């Protein structure tokens, strides 16, 4: 669930950064999307992420 929140926040920041023209927001949004996607894939494969198998 936390991964999905990161991806959504990343998309929002990416869109705002593109609309306003702020490169920093675009970069942070892209990084959040990438990290959220990696954590989502790792969690889906059953690997322990951050020392835990399940996020609550």
N, C-alpha and C. Protein backbone atom coordinates (compact mmCIF):
# COMPACT_ATOMS: atom_id res chain seq x y z
N UNK A 1 0.82 -1.19 0.00
CA UNK A 1 0.00 0.00 0.00
C UNK A 1 0.87 1.26 0.00
N UNK A 2 1.98 1.20 0.72
CA UNK A 2 2.87 2.35 0.78
C UNK A 2 3.49 2.63 -0.58
N UNK A 3 3.74 1.57 -1.34
CA UNK A 3 4.34 1.73 -2.66
C UNK A 3 3.39 2.49 -3.58
N UNK A 4 2.12 2.18 -3.49
CA UNK A 4 1.14 2.84 -4.34
C UNK A 4 1.05 4.33 -4.01
N UNK A 5 1.16 4.67 -2.73
CA UNK A 5 1.14 6.07 -2.33
C UNK A 5 2.35 6.80 -2.87
N UNK A 6 3.51 6.14 -2.88
CA UNK A 6 4.71 6.76 -3.42
C UNK A 6 4.57 7.01 -4.92
N UNK A 7 3.98 6.05 -5.63
CA UNK A 7 3.81 6.20 -7.07
C UNK A 7 2.84 7.33 -7.38
N UNK A 8 1.74 7.40 -6.64
CA UNK A 8 0.76 8.47 -6.86
C UNK A 8 1.36 9.84 -6.54
N UNK A 9 2.08 9.95 -5.43
CA UNK A 9 2.73 11.22 -5.08
C UNK A 9 3.76 11.60 -6.15
N UNK A 10 4.50 10.61 -6.64
CA UNK A 10 5.47 10.86 -7.70
C UNK A 10 4.81 11.37 -8.97
N UNK A 11 3.67 10.78 -9.33
CA UNK A 11 2.95 11.24 -10.52
C UNK A 11 2.46 12.68 -10.36
N UNK A 12 1.94 12.98 -9.17
CA UNK A 12 1.45 14.34 -8.91
C UNK A 12 2.59 15.35 -9.01
N UNK A 13 3.72 15.03 -8.37
CA UNK A 13 4.86 15.94 -8.41
C UNK A 13 5.41 16.07 -9.82
N UNK A 14 5.43 14.97 -10.55
CA UNK A 14 5.92 15.00 -11.93
C UNK A 14 5.05 15.89 -12.81
N UNK A 15 3.74 15.75 -12.68
CA UNK A 15 2.83 16.58 -13.48
C UNK A 15 2.93 18.05 -13.10
N UNK A 16 2.99 18.34 -11.80
CA UNK A 16 3.12 19.73 -11.37
C UNK A 16 4.44 20.31 -11.87
N UNK A 17 5.50 19.53 -11.77
CA UNK A 17 6.80 19.99 -12.24
C UNK A 17 6.81 20.27 -13.73
N UNK A 18 6.13 19.44 -14.51
CA UNK A 18 6.08 19.66 -15.95
C UNK A 18 5.21 20.86 -16.31
N UNK A 19 4.09 21.03 -15.60
CA UNK A 19 3.19 22.14 -15.89
C UNK A 19 3.78 23.49 -15.49
N UNK A 20 4.46 23.52 -14.35
CA UNK A 20 5.02 24.77 -13.85
C UNK A 20 6.39 25.04 -14.45
N UNK A 21 7.08 24.00 -14.85
CA UNK A 21 8.40 24.16 -15.43
C UNK A 21 9.52 24.09 -14.41
N UNK A 22 9.27 23.43 -13.29
CA UNK A 22 10.29 23.28 -12.25
C UNK A 22 10.97 21.93 -12.40
N UNK A 23 12.23 21.96 -12.76
CA UNK A 23 12.98 20.73 -12.97
C UNK A 23 13.15 19.90 -11.70
N UNK A 24 13.24 20.58 -10.56
CA UNK A 24 13.44 19.87 -9.30
C UNK A 24 12.22 19.00 -8.96
N UNK A 25 11.02 19.53 -9.12
CA UNK A 25 9.82 18.74 -8.86
C UNK A 25 9.70 17.57 -9.83
N UNK A 26 10.07 17.80 -11.07
CA UNK A 26 10.02 16.73 -12.06
C UNK A 26 10.99 15.62 -11.70
N UNK A 27 12.19 15.99 -11.26
CA UNK A 27 13.19 15.00 -10.87
C UNK A 27 12.74 14.21 -9.64
N UNK A 28 12.26 14.90 -8.62
CA UNK A 28 11.80 14.22 -7.40
C UNK A 28 10.62 13.31 -7.72
N UNK A 29 9.70 13.77 -8.56
CA UNK A 29 8.56 12.93 -8.95
C UNK A 29 9.00 11.67 -9.68
N UNK A 30 9.95 11.81 -10.58
CA UNK A 30 10.46 10.65 -11.31
C UNK A 30 11.15 9.66 -10.40
N UNK A 31 11.91 10.16 -9.43
CA UNK A 31 12.59 9.29 -8.48
C UNK A 31 11.58 8.55 -7.61
N UNK A 32 10.54 9.25 -7.15
CA UNK A 32 9.51 8.60 -6.33
C UNK A 32 8.77 7.51 -7.11
N UNK A 33 8.49 7.78 -8.37
CA UNK A 33 7.82 6.77 -9.20
C UNK A 33 8.72 5.54 -9.34
N UNK A 34 10.00 5.76 -9.60
CA UNK A 34 10.94 4.66 -9.79
C UNK A 34 11.10 3.83 -8.51
N UNK A 35 11.30 4.50 -7.38
CA UNK A 35 11.47 3.79 -6.11
C UNK A 35 10.18 3.05 -5.72
N UNK A 36 9.04 3.69 -5.92
CA UNK A 36 7.77 3.04 -5.60
C UNK A 36 7.54 1.80 -6.46
N UNK A 37 7.89 1.89 -7.75
CA UNK A 37 7.73 0.74 -8.63
C UNK A 37 8.66 -0.40 -8.23
N UNK A 38 9.90 -0.08 -7.86
CA UNK A 38 10.84 -1.13 -7.43
C UNK A 38 10.35 -1.80 -6.16
N UNK A 39 9.88 -1.01 -5.19
CA UNK A 39 9.37 -1.60 -3.95
C UNK A 39 8.13 -2.43 -4.20
N UNK A 40 7.29 -2.00 -5.13
CA UNK A 40 6.08 -2.74 -5.46
C UNK A 40 6.43 -4.10 -6.06
N UNK A 41 7.39 -4.11 -6.97
CA UNK A 41 7.81 -5.37 -7.60
C UNK A 41 8.45 -6.30 -6.58
N UNK A 42 9.31 -5.76 -5.72
CA UNK A 42 9.94 -6.58 -4.70
C UNK A 42 8.92 -7.15 -3.72
N UNK A 43 7.95 -6.33 -3.35
CA UNK A 43 6.91 -6.80 -2.44
C UNK A 43 6.02 -7.85 -3.08
N UNK A 44 5.78 -7.72 -4.39
CA UNK A 44 4.93 -8.68 -5.08
C UNK A 44 5.61 -10.04 -5.24
N UNK A 45 6.94 -10.05 -5.26
CA UNK A 45 7.66 -11.31 -5.41
C UNK A 45 7.85 -12.01 -4.07
N UNK A 46 7.44 -11.35 -2.99
CA UNK A 46 7.53 -11.99 -1.67
C UNK A 46 8.83 -11.72 -0.95
N UNK A 47 9.66 -10.84 -1.50
CA UNK A 47 10.92 -10.52 -0.84
C UNK A 47 10.68 -9.56 0.32
N UNK A 48 11.48 -9.71 1.35
CA UNK A 48 11.37 -8.81 2.50
C UNK A 48 11.93 -7.44 2.11
N UNK A 49 11.13 -6.41 2.30
CA UNK A 49 11.55 -5.05 1.97
C UNK A 49 11.69 -4.28 3.27
N UNK A 50 12.87 -3.75 3.53
CA UNK A 50 13.09 -2.99 4.76
C UNK A 50 13.04 -3.85 6.00
N UNK A 51 13.39 -5.12 5.88
CA UNK A 51 13.40 -6.01 7.03
C UNK A 51 12.05 -6.60 7.36
N UNK A 52 11.02 -6.30 6.57
CA UNK A 52 9.68 -6.82 6.84
C UNK A 52 9.13 -7.47 5.58
N UNK A 53 8.34 -8.50 5.79
CA UNK A 53 7.69 -9.14 4.64
C UNK A 53 6.38 -8.49 4.30
N UNK A 54 5.76 -7.83 5.29
CA UNK A 54 4.44 -7.22 5.08
C UNK A 54 4.46 -5.80 5.62
N UNK A 55 3.81 -4.91 4.88
CA UNK A 55 3.62 -3.55 5.36
C UNK A 55 2.22 -3.45 5.93
N UNK A 56 2.09 -2.80 7.06
CA UNK A 56 0.79 -2.63 7.67
C UNK A 56 0.42 -1.19 7.68
